[in-house]
């Protein structure tokens, strides 16, 4: 009997050693690298303006580079009065399933905890079952649905699952 590997990581191994990766605040000069990943991973990617607006608004905008300087992933976290909204978190397509997303989530969580925030909120497409499973494994729970939140093919809209991680 042959076994077909699951496309969803099973989290049997810990995330990669953090000392092989380095976090930096996202700068406008990083956006070309960020957009290369964003455009490769998402059918409806953020624009250069979306990233610049987030940087200029003072959000927690972070990139993760490996020891060679290659961009591995990034996230944008918008703190508010008592919680934070994870606006975007993305891992380079070739590095998905290797624990990079956990490193990114750990950094976002640490920032929220340093600010003494109570929770992190995020939206995820119901069709992105892999991401939803990762968030659930990490401790996020589903708290609602935003109807027609995301653009979808053929001028349609897709709902968003709203998830929350209590800190």
Protein backbone atom coordinates (compact mmCIF):
# COMPACT_ATOMS: atom_id res chain seq x y z
CA UNK A 1 0.00 0.00 0.00
CA UNK A 2 1.48 3.33 -1.01
CA UNK A 3 1.16 6.39 1.13
CA UNK A 4 0.26 9.71 -0.41
CA UNK A 5 1.92 12.59 1.44
CA UNK A 6 -0.46 15.11 2.90
CA UNK A 7 -0.15 18.66 1.56
CA UNK A 8 -0.71 19.93 5.11
CA UNK A 9 2.35 19.93 7.38
CA UNK A 10 2.00 17.63 10.35
CA UNK A 11 4.25 19.70 12.67
CA UNK A 12 6.28 16.66 13.68
CA UNK A 13 9.49 18.68 13.55
CA UNK A 14 10.08 21.94 15.38
CA UNK A 15 10.48 25.13 13.38
CA UNK A 16 13.91 25.68 11.83
CA UNK A 17 16.55 27.15 14.13
CA UNK A 18 15.93 30.86 14.49
CA UNK A 19 19.67 31.58 14.32
CA UNK A 20 19.63 30.66 10.62
CA UNK A 21 17.08 33.38 9.97
CA UNK A 22 17.03 37.07 10.78
CA UNK A 23 14.11 39.41 11.32
CA UNK A 24 14.23 42.97 10.04
CA UNK A 25 11.70 45.79 9.97
CA UNK A 26 10.28 45.96 6.46
CA UNK A 27 11.59 48.99 4.56
CA UNK A 28 10.40 50.45 1.26
CA UNK A 29 13.56 48.99 -0.31
CA UNK A 30 12.33 45.48 0.64
CA UNK A 31 9.03 45.80 -1.19
CA UNK A 32 10.29 44.50 -4.55
CA UNK A 33 11.40 41.25 -2.86
CA UNK A 34 8.14 41.11 -0.90
CA UNK A 35 6.06 41.64 -4.05
CA UNK A 36 7.91 38.82 -5.85
CA UNK A 37 6.69 36.41 -3.15
CA UNK A 38 3.26 38.04 -2.79
CA UNK A 39 2.58 37.83 -6.53
CA UNK A 40 3.77 34.22 -6.69
CA UNK A 41 1.73 32.97 -3.74
CA UNK A 42 -1.59 34.79 -4.02
CA UNK A 43 -4.08 35.01 -6.88
CA UNK A 44 -5.16 38.44 -5.54
CA UNK A 45 -1.94 39.92 -4.12
CA UNK A 46 -1.43 43.09 -2.15
CA UNK A 47 -0.03 46.03 -4.09
CA UNK A 48 3.14 48.06 -3.57
CA UNK A 49 0.86 50.79 -2.21
CA UNK A 50 -0.68 48.43 0.37
CA UNK A 51 2.77 47.60 1.74
CA UNK A 52 3.96 51.23 1.68
CA UNK A 53 0.79 52.35 3.46
CA UNK A 54 1.38 49.76 6.19
CA UNK A 55 4.99 50.83 6.66
CA UNK A 56 4.07 54.52 6.67
CA UNK A 57 1.24 53.91 9.15
CA UNK A 58 3.73 52.54 11.67
CA UNK A 59 2.36 49.00 11.68
CA UNK A 60 4.62 46.16 12.75
CA UNK A 61 5.96 45.24 9.31
CA UNK A 62 8.60 42.51 9.46
CA UNK A 63 10.57 40.43 6.99
CA UNK A 64 12.51 37.22 7.59
CA UNK A 65 15.72 36.65 5.65
CA UNK A 66 18.00 33.62 5.71
CA UNK A 67 21.74 33.82 6.33
CA UNK A 68 22.36 34.49 2.62
CA UNK A 69 19.96 37.45 2.68
CA UNK A 70 17.19 35.76 0.69
CA UNK A 71 13.67 36.71 1.72
CA UNK A 72 11.90 33.75 3.35
CA UNK A 73 8.69 35.41 4.51
CA UNK A 74 7.03 38.44 6.04
CA UNK A 75 4.12 39.64 8.11
CA UNK A 76 2.24 42.86 8.81
CA UNK A 77 0.61 43.32 12.19
CA UNK A 78 -1.66 46.26 13.00
CA UNK A 79 -1.78 46.87 16.77
CA UNK A 80 -4.85 48.55 18.22
CA UNK A 81 -5.97 49.41 21.73
CA UNK A 82 -6.29 45.90 23.13
CA UNK A 83 -5.54 43.51 20.27
CA UNK A 84 -3.59 43.20 17.04
CA UNK A 85 -4.79 42.39 13.54
CA UNK A 86 -2.52 40.13 11.48
CA UNK A 87 -3.06 41.72 8.08
CA UNK A 88 -0.75 39.56 6.00
CA UNK A 89 1.60 36.67 6.69
CA UNK A 90 3.34 34.92 3.82
CA UNK A 91 6.06 32.32 3.34
CA UNK A 92 8.03 31.91 0.11
CA UNK A 93 6.38 29.14 -1.91
CA UNK A 94 9.54 26.97 -1.94
CA UNK A 95 9.85 27.16 1.86
CA UNK A 96 6.26 26.36 2.84
CA UNK A 97 5.82 23.38 5.14
CA UNK A 98 9.24 23.85 6.75
CA UNK A 99 8.24 25.80 9.87
CA UNK A 100 8.92 29.31 8.55
CA UNK A 101 5.31 30.28 9.16
CA UNK A 102 5.69 29.27 12.82
CA UNK A 103 8.75 31.53 13.13
CA UNK A 104 6.69 34.39 11.69
CA UNK A 105 3.74 33.67 13.99
CA UNK A 106 6.09 33.45 17.00
CA UNK A 107 7.52 36.89 16.19
CA UNK A 108 4.05 38.42 15.69
CA UNK A 109 2.89 36.89 18.99
CA UNK A 110 5.99 38.17 20.81
CA UNK A 111 5.35 41.71 19.52
CA UNK A 112 1.71 41.58 20.63
CA UNK A 113 2.72 40.26 24.05
CA UNK A 114 5.40 42.96 24.45
CA UNK A 115 2.67 45.53 23.81
CA UNK A 116 0.52 43.75 26.42
CA UNK A 117 -2.26 43.15 23.90
CA UNK A 118 -4.98 40.62 24.68
CA UNK A 119 -5.31 38.84 21.33
CA UNK A 120 -4.32 38.55 17.70
CA UNK A 121 -7.09 38.49 15.10
CA UNK A 122 -6.82 37.43 11.47
CA UNK A 123 -8.91 36.51 8.44
CA UNK A 124 -8.33 33.46 6.29
CA UNK A 125 -10.12 32.20 3.21
CA UNK A 126 -12.25 29.09 3.86
CA UNK A 127 -10.65 27.66 0.71
CA UNK A 128 -7.20 27.99 2.32
CA UNK A 129 -7.61 24.90 4.46
CA UNK A 130 -3.86 24.50 4.88
CA UNK A 131 -3.49 27.93 6.49
CA UNK A 132 -6.58 27.42 8.63
CA UNK A 133 -5.14 24.16 9.94
CA UNK A 134 -1.84 25.86 10.77
CA UNK A 135 -3.64 28.63 12.65
CA UNK A 136 -5.78 26.13 14.57
CA UNK A 137 -2.70 24.11 15.49
CA UNK A 138 -1.04 27.31 16.69
CA UNK A 139 -3.99 28.04 18.99
CA UNK A 140 -6.26 30.33 16.97
CA UNK A 141 -9.98 29.64 17.18
CA UNK A 142 -12.71 30.61 14.75
CA UNK A 143 -14.86 33.44 16.06
CA UNK A 144 -16.84 34.54 13.02
CA UNK A 145 -17.24 35.02 9.29
CA UNK A 146 -16.92 38.14 7.17
CA UNK A 147 -19.22 37.72 4.17
CA UNK A 148 -17.75 38.54 0.76
CA UNK A 149 -14.46 39.72 2.27
CA UNK A 150 -11.98 38.48 -0.35
CA UNK A 151 -11.94 38.92 -4.13
CA UNK A 152 -12.41 35.65 -5.99
CA UNK A 153 -12.29 34.55 -9.65
CA UNK A 154 -14.97 35.69 -12.10
CA UNK A 155 -15.71 38.90 -10.19
CA UNK A 156 -17.04 36.88 -7.27
CA UNK A 157 -16.29 37.31 -3.54
CA UNK A 158 -15.20 34.75 -0.96
CA UNK A 159 -16.02 34.87 2.74
CA UNK A 160 -13.31 35.15 5.37
CA UNK A 161 -13.08 33.08 8.51
CA UNK A 162 -12.20 35.34 11.44
CA UNK A 163 -9.82 33.70 13.90
CA UNK A 164 -8.51 34.80 17.27
CA UNK A 165 -5.52 33.87 19.39
CA UNK A 166 -5.93 34.89 23.03
CA UNK A 167 -2.63 35.98 24.57
